[in-house]
Amino acid sequence: MARVVLVAGAAVRVLGVIAFVVLVPAMSGIPALVGRLTVAGMA
């Protein structure tokens, strides 16, 4: 039983790290993308 909990905890941690690695660049990239689209729309 303890092993299942450990494996589940490790899986959640790995998924959390992957989500963090994927989302942080996306979060920082979205304002730049919106700014670029706004500038392109004005031009």
N, C-alpha and C. Protein backbone atom coordinates (compact mmCIF):
# COMPACT_ATOMS: atom_id res chain seq x y z
N MET A 1 0.84 -1.20 0.00
CA MET A 1 0.00 0.00 0.00
C MET A 1 0.87 1.25 0.00
N ALA A 2 1.90 1.23 0.84
CA ALA A 2 2.79 2.39 0.94
C ALA A 2 3.48 2.65 -0.40
N ARG A 3 3.79 1.57 -1.10
CA ARG A 3 4.48 1.70 -2.39
C ARG A 3 3.59 2.43 -3.40
N VAL A 4 2.29 2.10 -3.40
CA VAL A 4 1.33 2.75 -4.31
C VAL A 4 1.29 4.25 -4.04
N VAL A 5 1.27 4.61 -2.76
CA VAL A 5 1.25 6.03 -2.37
C VAL A 5 2.51 6.73 -2.84
N LEU A 6 3.66 6.07 -2.68
CA LEU A 6 4.93 6.65 -3.11
C LEU A 6 4.97 6.84 -4.62
N VAL A 7 4.52 5.83 -5.36
CA VAL A 7 4.50 5.92 -6.83
C VAL A 7 3.56 7.03 -7.28
N ALA A 8 2.39 7.10 -6.66
CA ALA A 8 1.41 8.14 -7.00
C ALA A 8 1.99 9.52 -6.69
N GLY A 9 2.65 9.65 -5.55
CA GLY A 9 3.27 10.92 -5.18
C GLY A 9 4.36 11.32 -6.16
N ALA A 10 5.17 10.36 -6.57
CA ALA A 10 6.23 10.64 -7.54
C ALA A 10 5.64 11.05 -8.89
N ALA A 11 4.57 10.38 -9.31
CA ALA A 11 3.92 10.70 -10.59
C ALA A 11 3.35 12.11 -10.56
N VAL A 12 2.69 12.46 -9.46
CA VAL A 12 2.12 13.80 -9.31
C VAL A 12 3.23 14.85 -9.35
N ARG A 13 4.35 14.56 -8.68
CA ARG A 13 5.47 15.49 -8.65
C ARG A 13 6.06 15.69 -10.05
N VAL A 14 6.22 14.58 -10.79
CA VAL A 14 6.76 14.65 -12.16
C VAL A 14 5.82 15.45 -13.06
N LEU A 15 4.52 15.17 -12.96
CA LEU A 15 3.53 15.90 -13.76
C LEU A 15 3.53 17.38 -13.39
N GLY A 16 3.68 17.68 -12.11
CA GLY A 16 3.75 19.07 -11.66
C GLY A 16 4.96 19.78 -12.24
N VAL A 17 6.10 19.12 -12.26
CA VAL A 17 7.32 19.71 -12.83
C VAL A 17 7.14 19.95 -14.32
N ILE A 18 6.56 18.97 -15.03
CA ILE A 18 6.34 19.11 -16.48
C ILE A 18 5.40 20.28 -16.75
N ALA A 19 4.30 20.35 -15.98
CA ALA A 19 3.33 21.44 -16.15
C ALA A 19 4.01 22.78 -15.90
N PHE A 20 4.86 22.84 -14.84
CA PHE A 20 5.57 24.07 -14.50
C PHE A 20 6.50 24.48 -15.64
N VAL A 21 7.26 23.53 -16.16
CA VAL A 21 8.22 23.81 -17.23
C VAL A 21 7.52 24.26 -18.51
N VAL A 22 6.34 23.68 -18.78
CA VAL A 22 5.58 24.03 -19.98
C VAL A 22 4.86 25.37 -19.81
N LEU A 23 4.25 25.57 -18.63
CA LEU A 23 3.39 26.74 -18.42
C LEU A 23 4.17 28.03 -18.22
N VAL A 24 5.31 27.99 -17.53
CA VAL A 24 6.05 29.22 -17.24
C VAL A 24 6.49 29.93 -18.53
N PRO A 25 7.12 29.24 -19.50
CA PRO A 25 7.45 29.92 -20.76
C PRO A 25 6.21 30.39 -21.49
N ALA A 26 5.11 29.61 -21.41
CA ALA A 26 3.86 30.00 -22.06
C ALA A 26 3.33 31.29 -21.43
N MET A 27 3.35 31.35 -20.10
CA MET A 27 2.87 32.54 -19.38
C MET A 27 3.68 33.77 -19.76
N SER A 28 5.00 33.63 -19.82
CA SER A 28 5.86 34.76 -20.16
C SER A 28 5.78 35.08 -21.65
N GLY A 29 5.42 34.09 -22.47
CA GLY A 29 5.35 34.29 -23.91
C GLY A 29 4.04 34.89 -24.38
N ILE A 30 2.95 34.69 -23.63
CA ILE A 30 1.63 35.17 -24.04
C ILE A 30 1.59 36.70 -24.15
N PRO A 31 2.06 37.47 -23.17
CA PRO A 31 2.02 38.93 -23.32
C PRO A 31 2.83 39.42 -24.52
N ALA A 32 3.97 38.80 -24.78
CA ALA A 32 4.79 39.18 -25.93
C ALA A 32 4.04 38.88 -27.23
N LEU A 33 3.36 37.74 -27.26
CA LEU A 33 2.59 37.34 -28.45
C LEU A 33 1.43 38.31 -28.67
N VAL A 34 0.72 38.65 -27.59
CA VAL A 34 -0.41 39.60 -27.68
C VAL A 34 0.10 40.96 -28.15
N GLY A 35 1.23 41.41 -27.61
CA GLY A 35 1.82 42.69 -28.02
C GLY A 35 2.18 42.68 -29.49
N ARG A 36 2.74 41.58 -29.94
CA ARG A 36 3.14 41.46 -31.35
C ARG A 36 1.90 41.49 -32.26
N LEU A 37 0.84 40.79 -31.85
CA LEU A 37 -0.40 40.77 -32.64
C LEU A 37 -1.03 42.16 -32.67
N THR A 38 -0.98 42.87 -31.54
CA THR A 38 -1.54 44.22 -31.46
C THR A 38 -0.79 45.16 -32.40
N VAL A 39 0.54 45.07 -32.37
CA VAL A 39 1.38 45.90 -33.24
C VAL A 39 1.11 45.56 -34.70
N ALA A 40 0.98 44.27 -35.00
CA ALA A 40 0.71 43.83 -36.37
C ALA A 40 -0.67 44.34 -36.82
N GLY A 41 -1.64 44.34 -35.90
CA GLY A 41 -2.97 44.83 -36.22
C GLY A 41 -2.98 46.33 -36.51
N MET A 42 -2.16 47.08 -35.78
CA MET A 42 -2.08 48.54 -35.97
C MET A 42 -1.35 48.88 -37.26
N ALA A 43 -0.35 48.07 -37.62
CA ALA A 43 0.51 48.38 -38.77
C ALA A 43 -0.24 48.28 -40.09
